């Protein structure tokens, strides 16, 4: 097994923080879309809007899971 030196944690922390930042931005974008679609649905109910909201909720769930896995990767390295 290759020996860890002081550079390895530096790369891991910076890479994981950048990944988490990207996932957080994506999460916030999806959340804003859901809010917009909800407002649109309240004005004019539509099956298409409901399907879009459900799709975005699944994406939010996947993004949240990716964030949790990214954080937990720090502990299992």
Protein backbone atom coordinates (compact mmCIF):
# COMPACT_ATOMS: atom_id res chain seq x y z
CA UNK A 1 0.00 0.00 0.00
CA UNK A 2 1.22 3.46 -0.85
CA UNK A 3 2.22 5.63 2.06
CA UNK A 4 0.25 8.83 2.74
CA UNK A 5 2.20 12.04 3.07
CA UNK A 6 1.14 15.57 4.01
CA UNK A 7 0.02 16.40 0.46
CA UNK A 8 -2.68 13.69 0.32
CA UNK A 9 -5.07 15.22 2.91
CA UNK A 10 -4.66 18.60 1.25
CA UNK A 11 -5.89 17.23 -2.07
CA UNK A 12 -8.72 15.31 -0.43
CA UNK A 13 -10.08 18.24 1.56
CA UNK A 14 -9.92 20.67 -1.34
CA UNK A 15 -11.48 18.21 -3.80
CA UNK A 16 -14.30 17.22 -1.46
CA UNK A 17 -15.08 20.83 -0.56
CA UNK A 18 -15.32 21.77 -4.24
CA UNK A 19 -17.59 18.81 -4.93
CA UNK A 20 -19.82 19.74 -2.00
CA UNK A 21 -19.98 23.33 -3.23
CA UNK A 22 -21.08 22.16 -6.66
CA UNK A 23 -23.73 19.86 -5.17
CA UNK A 24 -24.99 22.66 -2.91
CA UNK A 25 -25.37 25.01 -5.88
CA UNK A 26 -27.22 22.30 -7.80
CA UNK A 27 -29.45 21.62 -4.79
CA UNK A 28 -30.34 25.31 -4.46
CA UNK A 29 -31.13 25.54 -8.19
CA UNK A 30 -33.46 22.54 -7.99
CA UNK A 31 -35.14 23.94 -4.89
CA UNK A 32 -35.79 27.25 -6.67
CA UNK A 33 -37.28 25.41 -9.65
CA UNK A 34 -39.59 23.45 -7.37
CA UNK A 35 -40.79 26.67 -5.73
CA UNK A 36 -41.43 28.25 -9.12
CA UNK A 37 -43.31 25.20 -10.38
CA UNK A 38 -45.36 25.06 -7.19
CA UNK A 39 -46.42 28.68 -7.66
CA UNK A 40 -47.31 27.92 -11.28
CA UNK A 41 -49.31 24.88 -10.18
CA UNK A 42 -51.22 26.93 -7.60
CA UNK A 43 -52.23 29.40 -10.33
CA UNK A 44 -53.09 26.80 -12.96
CA UNK A 45 -53.08 23.11 -11.95
CA UNK A 46 -51.60 20.76 -14.55
CA UNK A 47 -50.52 17.11 -14.64
CA UNK A 48 -47.35 18.11 -16.47
CA UNK A 49 -46.37 20.48 -13.67
CA UNK A 50 -46.96 17.76 -11.07
CA UNK A 51 -44.74 15.37 -13.07
CA UNK A 52 -42.01 18.01 -13.29
CA UNK A 53 -42.16 18.65 -9.54
CA UNK A 54 -41.88 14.91 -8.82
CA UNK A 55 -38.90 14.64 -11.16
CA UNK A 56 -37.17 17.54 -9.42
CA UNK A 57 -37.89 16.02 -6.00
CA UNK A 58 -36.15 12.83 -7.10
CA UNK A 59 -33.19 14.89 -8.29
CA UNK A 60 -33.11 16.72 -4.96
CA UNK A 61 -33.05 13.39 -3.17
CA UNK A 62 -30.19 12.15 -5.33
CA UNK A 63 -28.23 15.37 -4.81
CA UNK A 64 -28.73 15.14 -1.04
CA UNK A 65 -27.49 11.53 -1.14
CA UNK A 66 -24.42 12.59 -3.14
CA UNK A 67 -23.67 15.26 -0.53
CA UNK A 68 -23.90 12.73 2.30
CA UNK A 69 -21.65 10.28 0.45
CA UNK A 70 -19.15 13.05 -0.27
CA UNK A 71 -18.97 13.99 3.40
CA UNK A 72 -18.73 10.38 4.53
CA UNK A 73 -15.88 9.77 2.08
CA UNK A 74 -13.73 11.98 4.29
CA UNK A 75 -14.17 9.59 7.18
CA UNK A 76 -13.48 6.38 5.26
CA UNK A 77 -10.29 7.38 3.44
